[in-house]
Amino acid sequence: MSLRTAIPLLLVVATGLAYAAAAAGEPPAPAATTAPAATLAAPTEAERVGATPAVTLYYFHATARCATCRAIEAHAEEALHAAFGRELANHTLAWRPLNVEEADNRHFISEFQLTSSSMVAVRHDPDGSRQWRRLDRIWPLAHDKAAFVRYVEEEVAATLRGAGR
């Protein structure tokens, strides 16, 4: 089985497992993890012009996407613009939906331990280190827009507070 076939299959299986886990109860909140700065994504436009965001919120997805995957992205983007418009405008916060099936983005699968479409908040510390947290509750909350938006807003706010900006 090729990697091109395996990744979408793994995403489908993991999505099913996430729904099963949601039915069984909420997973524990993931601990923040340190990732080496050198392996993270290509710079955003703000980074290219010299303004490194304090926090980047990534939404990782495959090429083939279900309605729920698209809704997760749309609801997250809507939540960010409503609650963090100023931070997005001044490049303190960056929003980066990325397709993990594109060659330049495949490294994120192992880097952030992705098993399905996922959201990851990355805090960029002044010393160059980066802390990250996978927002594992996006799937269990996907069909409750108010709870989903509240969860994303809380996680982003906590990550921004941790960045001290």
N, C-alpha and C. Protein backbone atom coordinates (compact mmCIF):
# COMPACT_ATOMS: atom_id res chain seq x y z
N MET A 1 0.85 -1.17 0.00
CA MET A 1 0.00 0.00 0.00
C MET A 1 0.90 1.23 0.00
N SER A 2 0.61 2.13 -0.90
CA SER A 2 1.42 3.35 -1.00
C SER A 2 1.02 4.34 0.09
N LEU A 3 1.91 5.28 0.36
CA LEU A 3 1.65 6.33 1.35
C LEU A 3 0.44 7.16 0.92
N ARG A 4 0.28 7.36 -0.38
CA ARG A 4 -0.83 8.14 -0.91
C ARG A 4 -2.16 7.46 -0.60
N THR A 5 -2.19 6.14 -0.57
CA THR A 5 -3.40 5.39 -0.24
C THR A 5 -3.55 5.24 1.27
N ALA A 6 -2.44 5.06 1.97
CA ALA A 6 -2.47 4.79 3.40
C ALA A 6 -2.96 5.98 4.22
N ILE A 7 -2.53 7.18 3.88
CA ILE A 7 -2.90 8.36 4.69
C ILE A 7 -4.41 8.57 4.71
N PRO A 8 -5.10 8.61 3.56
CA PRO A 8 -6.55 8.78 3.64
C PRO A 8 -7.24 7.64 4.39
N LEU A 9 -6.75 6.42 4.21
CA LEU A 9 -7.32 5.28 4.92
C LEU A 9 -7.15 5.45 6.42
N LEU A 10 -5.96 5.86 6.84
CA LEU A 10 -5.72 6.09 8.27
C LEU A 10 -6.61 7.21 8.80
N LEU A 11 -6.80 8.26 8.01
CA LEU A 11 -7.67 9.36 8.44
C LEU A 11 -9.11 8.89 8.63
N VAL A 12 -9.60 8.04 7.74
CA VAL A 12 -10.96 7.53 7.86
C VAL A 12 -11.09 6.64 9.09
N VAL A 13 -10.13 5.74 9.29
CA VAL A 13 -10.15 4.85 10.46
C VAL A 13 -10.08 5.67 11.75
N ALA A 14 -9.18 6.63 11.79
CA ALA A 14 -9.01 7.45 12.99
C ALA A 14 -10.26 8.27 13.27
N THR A 15 -10.92 8.75 12.23
CA THR A 15 -12.15 9.50 12.43
C THR A 15 -13.21 8.62 13.08
N GLY A 16 -13.32 7.39 12.61
CA GLY A 16 -14.26 6.45 13.23
C GLY A 16 -13.92 6.20 14.68
N LEU A 17 -12.64 6.05 14.97
CA LEU A 17 -12.21 5.85 16.36
C LEU A 17 -12.52 7.08 17.20
N ALA A 18 -12.36 8.26 16.63
CA ALA A 18 -12.66 9.49 17.38
C ALA A 18 -14.14 9.56 17.73
N TYR A 19 -14.99 9.18 16.79
CA TYR A 19 -16.43 9.17 17.08
C TYR A 19 -16.75 8.14 18.15
N ALA A 20 -16.11 6.97 18.10
CA ALA A 20 -16.33 5.95 19.12
C ALA A 20 -15.86 6.44 20.48
N ALA A 21 -14.73 7.12 20.52
CA ALA A 21 -14.22 7.66 21.78
C ALA A 21 -15.16 8.73 22.31
N ALA A 22 -15.73 9.53 21.42
CA ALA A 22 -16.65 10.58 21.86
C ALA A 22 -17.90 9.96 22.49
N ALA A 23 -18.34 8.85 21.93
CA ALA A 23 -19.51 8.19 22.49
C ALA A 23 -19.22 7.60 23.86
N ALA A 24 -17.96 7.21 24.09
CA ALA A 24 -17.57 6.60 25.36
C ALA A 24 -17.26 7.65 26.42
N GLY A 25 -17.04 8.88 26.05
CA GLY A 25 -16.71 9.93 27.01
C GLY A 25 -15.63 10.82 26.45
N GLU A 26 -15.37 11.90 27.14
CA GLU A 26 -14.37 12.86 26.70
C GLU A 26 -12.97 12.35 26.94
N PRO A 27 -12.05 12.52 25.97
CA PRO A 27 -10.66 12.15 26.22
C PRO A 27 -10.02 13.18 27.13
N PRO A 28 -8.96 12.79 27.85
CA PRO A 28 -8.28 13.78 28.68
C PRO A 28 -7.62 14.83 27.81
N ALA A 29 -7.49 16.04 28.34
CA ALA A 29 -6.83 17.12 27.61
C ALA A 29 -5.38 16.76 27.38
N PRO A 30 -4.85 16.95 26.17
CA PRO A 30 -3.46 16.62 25.89
C PRO A 30 -2.52 17.59 26.58
N ALA A 31 -1.37 17.09 26.95
CA ALA A 31 -0.35 17.94 27.56
C ALA A 31 0.37 18.71 26.48
N ALA A 32 0.86 19.88 26.83
CA ALA A 32 1.66 20.66 25.89
C ALA A 32 2.94 19.91 25.60
N THR A 33 3.40 19.98 24.37
CA THR A 33 4.58 19.26 23.94
C THR A 33 5.53 20.23 23.27
N THR A 34 6.81 20.01 23.45
CA THR A 34 7.81 20.85 22.82
C THR A 34 8.20 20.23 21.49
N ALA A 35 8.28 21.04 20.46
CA ALA A 35 8.72 20.58 19.15
C ALA A 35 9.92 21.41 18.75
N PRO A 36 10.91 20.78 18.09
CA PRO A 36 12.06 21.55 17.65
C PRO A 36 11.65 22.60 16.63
N ALA A 37 12.16 23.80 16.77
CA ALA A 37 11.77 24.91 15.91
C ALA A 37 12.10 24.66 14.45
N ALA A 38 13.18 23.98 14.17
CA ALA A 38 13.65 23.82 12.80
C ALA A 38 12.72 22.98 11.94
N THR A 39 11.85 22.14 12.53
CA THR A 39 11.05 21.24 11.72
C THR A 39 9.65 21.76 11.45
N LEU A 40 9.29 22.93 11.95
CA LEU A 40 7.93 23.42 11.74
C LEU A 40 7.77 24.01 10.35
N ALA A 41 6.55 24.40 10.03
CA ALA A 41 6.14 24.76 8.67
C ALA A 41 6.90 25.93 8.08
N ALA A 42 6.75 26.01 6.78
CA ALA A 42 7.28 27.17 6.06
C ALA A 42 6.62 28.41 6.64
N PRO A 43 7.29 29.54 6.60
CA PRO A 43 6.76 30.74 7.24
C PRO A 43 5.49 31.26 6.59
N THR A 44 4.64 31.86 7.41
CA THR A 44 3.45 32.54 6.91
C THR A 44 3.88 33.86 6.30
N GLU A 45 2.94 34.59 5.70
CA GLU A 45 3.28 35.90 5.14
C GLU A 45 3.80 36.83 6.24
N ALA A 46 3.17 36.79 7.42
CA ALA A 46 3.62 37.64 8.53
C ALA A 46 5.05 37.30 8.91
N GLU A 47 5.38 36.01 8.93
CA GLU A 47 6.74 35.60 9.28
C GLU A 47 7.72 36.03 8.19
N ARG A 48 7.29 35.98 6.93
CA ARG A 48 8.20 36.37 5.84
C ARG A 48 8.53 37.86 5.92
N VAL A 49 7.62 38.67 6.44
CA VAL A 49 7.91 40.09 6.55
C VAL A 49 8.49 40.43 7.92
N GLY A 50 8.83 39.41 8.70
CA GLY A 50 9.54 39.62 9.96
C GLY A 50 8.71 39.59 11.22
N ALA A 51 7.40 39.45 11.12
CA ALA A 51 6.56 39.42 12.31
C ALA A 51 6.15 37.99 12.61
N THR A 52 6.88 37.32 13.50
CA THR A 52 6.54 35.96 13.87
C THR A 52 5.32 36.00 14.79
N PRO A 53 4.27 35.24 14.46
CA PRO A 53 3.11 35.25 15.34
C PRO A 53 3.45 34.60 16.68
N ALA A 54 2.77 35.01 17.73
CA ALA A 54 2.94 34.37 19.04
C ALA A 54 2.36 32.97 19.00
N VAL A 55 1.26 32.81 18.25
CA VAL A 55 0.56 31.53 18.17
C VAL A 55 0.12 31.29 16.73
N THR A 56 0.27 30.05 16.28
CA THR A 56 -0.29 29.63 15.00
C THR A 56 -1.28 28.51 15.29
N LEU A 57 -2.50 28.64 14.77
CA LEU A 57 -3.49 27.57 14.88
C LEU A 57 -3.55 26.89 13.52
N TYR A 58 -3.14 25.63 13.48
CA TYR A 58 -3.16 24.84 12.25
C TYR A 58 -4.42 23.98 12.22
N TYR A 59 -4.98 23.82 11.04
CA TYR A 59 -6.02 22.81 10.83
C TYR A 59 -5.50 21.90 9.73
N PHE A 60 -5.19 20.66 10.08
CA PHE A 60 -4.64 19.69 9.15
C PHE A 60 -5.76 18.82 8.60
N HIS A 61 -5.79 18.64 7.28
CA HIS A 61 -6.83 17.86 6.63
C HIS A 61 -6.24 17.14 5.43
N ALA A 62 -7.01 16.21 4.90
CA ALA A 62 -6.62 15.48 3.68
C ALA A 62 -7.26 16.18 2.47
N THR A 63 -6.95 15.68 1.29
CA THR A 63 -7.53 16.24 0.07
C THR A 63 -9.03 15.96 0.02
N ALA A 64 -9.39 14.69 0.23
CA ALA A 64 -10.81 14.31 0.27
C ALA A 64 -11.34 14.65 1.65
N ARG A 65 -12.41 15.46 1.68
CA ARG A 65 -12.92 15.94 2.96
C ARG A 65 -14.44 15.78 3.03
N CYS A 66 -14.89 15.31 4.17
CA CYS A 66 -16.33 15.16 4.39
C CYS A 66 -16.93 16.50 4.81
N ALA A 67 -18.24 16.53 4.92
CA ALA A 67 -18.94 17.76 5.33
C ALA A 67 -18.51 18.19 6.73
N THR A 68 -18.27 17.23 7.62
CA THR A 68 -17.86 17.58 8.99
C THR A 68 -16.47 18.20 8.98
N CYS A 69 -15.56 17.68 8.17
CA CYS A 69 -14.21 18.26 8.07
C CYS A 69 -14.29 19.71 7.61
N ARG A 70 -15.12 19.97 6.63
CA ARG A 70 -15.28 21.34 6.12
C ARG A 70 -15.94 22.24 7.17
N ALA A 71 -16.91 21.69 7.91
CA ALA A 71 -17.57 22.48 8.95
C ALA A 71 -16.60 22.82 10.07
N ILE A 72 -15.74 21.87 10.45
CA ILE A 72 -14.75 22.13 11.50
C ILE A 72 -13.87 23.31 11.09
N GLU A 73 -13.38 23.30 9.85
CA GLU A 73 -12.54 24.40 9.38
C GLU A 73 -13.32 25.72 9.38
N ALA A 74 -14.53 25.70 8.85
CA ALA A 74 -15.33 26.93 8.77
C ALA A 74 -15.67 27.48 10.15
N HIS A 75 -16.06 26.60 11.07
CA HIS A 75 -16.41 27.06 12.42
C HIS A 75 -15.19 27.59 13.16
N ALA A 76 -14.04 26.95 12.98
CA ALA A 76 -12.82 27.43 13.64
C ALA A 76 -12.43 28.80 13.09
N GLU A 77 -12.48 28.95 11.78
CA GLU A 77 -12.12 30.24 11.19
C GLU A 77 -13.08 31.34 11.65
N GLU A 78 -14.36 31.01 11.68
CA GLU A 78 -15.36 31.97 12.16
C GLU A 78 -15.09 32.36 13.61
N ALA A 79 -14.78 31.37 14.45
CA ALA A 79 -14.49 31.64 15.87
C ALA A 79 -13.27 32.53 16.02
N LEU A 80 -12.24 32.26 15.24
CA LEU A 80 -11.01 33.06 15.33
C LEU A 80 -11.26 34.50 14.92
N HIS A 81 -11.97 34.70 13.83
CA HIS A 81 -12.23 36.08 13.37
C HIS A 81 -13.13 36.83 14.34
N ALA A 82 -14.08 36.13 14.96
CA ALA A 82 -14.99 36.79 15.90
C ALA A 82 -14.29 37.13 17.21
N ALA A 83 -13.49 36.21 17.74
CA ALA A 83 -12.89 36.40 19.06
C ALA A 83 -11.49 36.99 19.02
N PHE A 84 -10.78 36.80 17.91
CA PHE A 84 -9.37 37.20 17.86
C PHE A 84 -9.04 38.00 16.60
N GLY A 85 -9.99 38.80 16.14
CA GLY A 85 -9.77 39.60 14.94
C GLY A 85 -8.56 40.52 15.06
N ARG A 86 -8.41 41.15 16.21
CA ARG A 86 -7.27 42.06 16.42
C ARG A 86 -5.95 41.29 16.37
N GLU A 87 -5.90 40.12 17.01
CA GLU A 87 -4.68 39.32 17.03
C GLU A 87 -4.33 38.80 15.64
N LEU A 88 -5.35 38.45 14.86
CA LEU A 88 -5.10 38.04 13.48
C LEU A 88 -4.58 39.21 12.66
N ALA A 89 -5.17 40.39 12.85
CA ALA A 89 -4.78 41.57 12.08
C ALA A 89 -3.36 42.03 12.41
N ASN A 90 -2.96 41.93 13.68
CA ASN A 90 -1.61 42.38 14.04
C ASN A 90 -0.58 41.25 14.04
N HIS A 91 -0.98 40.09 13.51
CA HIS A 91 -0.09 38.93 13.33
C HIS A 91 0.40 38.32 14.63
N THR A 92 -0.30 38.57 15.74
CA THR A 92 -0.01 37.86 16.98
C THR A 92 -0.50 36.43 16.86
N LEU A 93 -1.55 36.23 16.07
CA LEU A 93 -2.16 34.92 15.84
C LEU A 93 -2.22 34.67 14.33
N ALA A 94 -1.88 33.46 13.92
CA ALA A 94 -1.99 33.07 12.51
C ALA A 94 -2.88 31.84 12.40
N TRP A 95 -3.69 31.78 11.35
CA TRP A 95 -4.58 30.65 11.06
C TRP A 95 -4.06 29.98 9.80
N ARG A 96 -3.76 28.66 9.89
CA ARG A 96 -3.15 27.97 8.75
C ARG A 96 -3.80 26.62 8.48
N PRO A 97 -4.84 26.55 7.67
CA PRO A 97 -5.34 25.25 7.24
C PRO A 97 -4.35 24.65 6.24
N LEU A 98 -3.97 23.39 6.43
CA LEU A 98 -2.99 22.75 5.56
C LEU A 98 -3.43 21.35 5.19
N ASN A 99 -3.19 20.97 3.94
CA ASN A 99 -3.46 19.63 3.45
C ASN A 99 -2.23 18.77 3.72
N VAL A 100 -2.36 17.74 4.57
CA VAL A 100 -1.22 16.90 4.92
C VAL A 100 -0.84 15.93 3.81
N GLU A 101 -1.64 15.86 2.75
CA GLU A 101 -1.28 15.01 1.62
C GLU A 101 -0.35 15.72 0.65
N GLU A 102 -0.17 17.02 0.80
CA GLU A 102 0.79 17.74 -0.03
C GLU A 102 2.19 17.45 0.50
N ALA A 103 3.13 17.26 -0.40
CA ALA A 103 4.48 16.83 -0.03
C ALA A 103 5.13 17.70 1.04
N ASP A 104 4.99 19.01 0.94
CA ASP A 104 5.62 19.91 1.90
C ASP A 104 5.02 19.82 3.30
N ASN A 105 3.84 19.23 3.42
CA ASN A 105 3.15 19.19 4.71
C ASN A 105 3.11 17.81 5.35
N ARG A 106 3.61 16.79 4.68
CA ARG A 106 3.53 15.42 5.21
C ARG A 106 4.24 15.24 6.54
N HIS A 107 5.30 16.01 6.77
CA HIS A 107 6.07 15.85 8.01
C HIS A 107 5.22 16.15 9.24
N PHE A 108 4.15 16.91 9.09
CA PHE A 108 3.30 17.24 10.23
C PHE A 108 2.62 16.01 10.82
N ILE A 109 2.40 14.98 10.01
CA ILE A 109 1.73 13.77 10.49
C ILE A 109 2.50 13.17 11.66
N SER A 110 3.81 13.00 11.50
CA SER A 110 4.60 12.45 12.60
C SER A 110 4.95 13.52 13.63
N GLU A 111 5.19 14.73 13.18
CA GLU A 111 5.60 15.80 14.08
C GLU A 111 4.55 16.09 15.15
N PHE A 112 3.28 16.09 14.76
CA PHE A 112 2.21 16.38 15.70
C PHE A 112 1.37 15.15 16.02
N GLN A 113 1.86 13.98 15.62
CA GLN A 113 1.18 12.71 15.92
C GLN A 113 -0.27 12.73 15.46
N LEU A 114 -0.47 13.11 14.20
CA LEU A 114 -1.81 13.25 13.64
C LEU A 114 -2.35 11.89 13.23
N THR A 115 -3.61 11.64 13.55
CA THR A 115 -4.26 10.39 13.14
C THR A 115 -5.51 10.64 12.32
N SER A 116 -5.94 11.87 12.24
CA SER A 116 -7.10 12.25 11.43
C SER A 116 -7.00 13.76 11.21
N SER A 117 -8.01 14.33 10.59
CA SER A 117 -8.04 15.79 10.48
C SER A 117 -7.92 16.33 11.90
N SER A 118 -7.00 17.26 12.09
CA SER A 118 -6.68 17.71 13.45
C SER A 118 -6.39 19.20 13.48
N MET A 119 -6.55 19.77 14.67
CA MET A 119 -6.22 21.16 14.91
C MET A 119 -5.11 21.18 15.96
N VAL A 120 -4.08 22.00 15.71
CA VAL A 120 -2.93 22.09 16.62
C VAL A 120 -2.62 23.57 16.85
N ALA A 121 -2.51 23.94 18.11
CA ALA A 121 -2.11 25.31 18.48
C ALA A 121 -0.63 25.27 18.82
N VAL A 122 0.16 26.10 18.15
CA VAL A 122 1.61 26.15 18.37
C VAL A 122 1.96 27.52 18.92
N ARG A 123 2.62 27.52 20.07
CA ARG A 123 3.09 28.76 20.68
C ARG A 123 4.55 28.94 20.31
N HIS A 124 4.88 30.10 19.76
CA HIS A 124 6.24 30.42 19.34
C HIS A 124 6.87 31.27 20.43
N ASP A 125 7.78 30.70 21.20
CA ASP A 125 8.40 31.42 22.31
C ASP A 125 9.54 32.31 21.82
N PRO A 126 9.81 33.41 22.54
CA PRO A 126 10.86 34.35 22.13
C PRO A 126 12.24 33.70 21.98
N ASP A 127 12.50 32.63 22.74
CA ASP A 127 13.81 31.97 22.66
C ASP A 127 13.92 31.03 21.46
N GLY A 128 12.87 30.98 20.63
CA GLY A 128 12.90 30.14 19.44
C GLY A 128 12.28 28.76 19.65
N SER A 129 12.01 28.39 20.90
CA SER A 129 11.37 27.10 21.13
C SER A 129 9.88 27.22 20.82
N ARG A 130 9.25 26.09 20.65
CA ARG A 130 7.83 26.08 20.33
C ARG A 130 7.14 25.01 21.15
N GLN A 131 6.01 25.37 21.70
CA GLN A 131 5.17 24.44 22.45
C GLN A 131 3.92 24.21 21.61
N TRP A 132 3.41 22.98 21.63
CA TRP A 132 2.20 22.73 20.86
C TRP A 132 1.21 21.88 21.63
N ARG A 133 -0.04 22.06 21.26
CA ARG A 133 -1.14 21.31 21.86
C ARG A 133 -2.12 20.95 20.75
N ARG A 134 -2.42 19.66 20.66
CA ARG A 134 -3.41 19.19 19.70
C ARG A 134 -4.79 19.35 20.34
N LEU A 135 -5.72 19.95 19.63
CA LEU A 135 -7.07 20.17 20.15
C LEU A 135 -7.92 18.94 19.83
N ASP A 136 -7.79 17.92 20.68
CA ASP A 136 -8.40 16.62 20.41
C ASP A 136 -9.92 16.60 20.55
N ARG A 137 -10.51 17.62 21.12
CA ARG A 137 -11.97 17.61 21.31
C ARG A 137 -12.73 18.17 20.12
N ILE A 138 -12.04 18.54 19.03
CA ILE A 138 -12.78 19.12 17.89
C ILE A 138 -13.76 18.11 17.29
N TRP A 139 -13.40 16.85 17.22
CA TRP A 139 -14.31 15.86 16.63
C TRP A 139 -15.50 15.58 17.53
N PRO A 140 -15.31 15.32 18.83
CA PRO A 140 -16.49 15.10 19.68
C PRO A 140 -17.44 16.30 19.71
N LEU A 141 -16.92 17.51 19.49
CA LEU A 141 -17.74 18.72 19.55
C LEU A 141 -18.18 19.21 18.17
N ALA A 142 -17.82 18.49 17.12
CA ALA A 142 -18.04 18.97 15.75
C ALA A 142 -19.50 19.28 15.43
N HIS A 143 -20.43 18.58 16.05
CA HIS A 143 -21.84 18.78 15.72
C HIS A 143 -22.57 19.65 16.75
N ASP A 144 -21.80 20.28 17.63
CA ASP A 144 -22.35 21.24 18.59
C ASP A 144 -21.56 22.53 18.40
N LYS A 145 -22.02 23.34 17.45
CA LYS A 145 -21.24 24.52 17.05
C LYS A 145 -20.89 25.42 18.22
N ALA A 146 -21.83 25.69 19.10
CA ALA A 146 -21.56 26.60 20.23
C ALA A 146 -20.46 26.04 21.13
N ALA A 147 -20.53 24.76 21.44
CA ALA A 147 -19.50 24.14 22.29
C ALA A 147 -18.16 24.08 21.56
N PHE A 148 -18.20 23.80 20.26
CA PHE A 148 -16.98 23.75 19.45
C PHE A 148 -16.30 25.12 19.44
N VAL A 149 -17.05 26.16 19.15
CA VAL A 149 -16.50 27.52 19.09
C VAL A 149 -15.92 27.91 20.45
N ARG A 150 -16.66 27.62 21.52
CA ARG A 150 -16.18 27.95 22.87
C ARG A 150 -14.86 27.22 23.16
N TYR A 151 -14.78 25.94 22.79
CA TYR A 151 -13.56 25.15 23.01
C TYR A 151 -12.38 25.74 22.25
N VAL A 152 -12.56 26.05 20.98
CA VAL A 152 -11.47 26.62 20.18
C VAL A 152 -11.05 27.97 20.75
N GLU A 153 -12.01 28.81 21.09
CA GLU A 153 -11.68 30.12 21.68
C GLU A 153 -10.90 29.96 22.98
N GLU A 154 -11.32 29.04 23.85
CA GLU A 154 -10.64 28.83 25.13
C GLU A 154 -9.21 28.33 24.92
N GLU A 155 -9.03 27.39 24.01
CA GLU A 155 -7.69 26.84 23.77
C GLU A 155 -6.76 27.89 23.17
N VAL A 156 -7.27 28.67 22.22
CA VAL A 156 -6.44 29.71 21.61
C VAL A 156 -6.11 30.78 22.64
N ALA A 157 -7.09 31.19 23.44
CA ALA A 157 -6.85 32.21 24.48
C ALA A 157 -5.80 31.71 25.47
N ALA A 158 -5.89 30.45 25.89
CA ALA A 158 -4.91 29.90 26.83
C ALA A 158 -3.52 29.85 26.20
N THR A 159 -3.45 29.51 24.93
CA THR A 159 -2.16 29.45 24.24
C THR A 159 -1.58 30.86 24.09
N LEU A 160 -2.41 31.83 23.77
CA LEU A 160 -1.94 33.22 23.68
C LEU A 160 -1.46 33.72 25.04
N ARG A 161 -2.20 33.39 26.12
CA ARG A 161 -1.76 33.79 27.46
C ARG A 161 -0.40 33.18 27.78
N GLY A 162 -0.21 31.92 27.40
CA GLY A 162 1.07 31.24 27.64
C GLY A 162 2.20 31.89 26.87
N ALA A 163 1.86 32.52 25.76
CA ALA A 163 2.88 33.20 24.95
C ALA A 163 3.20 34.58 25.51
N GLY A 164 2.42 35.03 26.47
CA GLY A 164 2.68 36.33 27.10
C GLY A 164 2.44 37.51 26.19
N ARG A 165 1.60 37.35 25.18
CA ARG A 165 1.33 38.45 24.24
C ARG A 165 -0.14 38.74 24.19
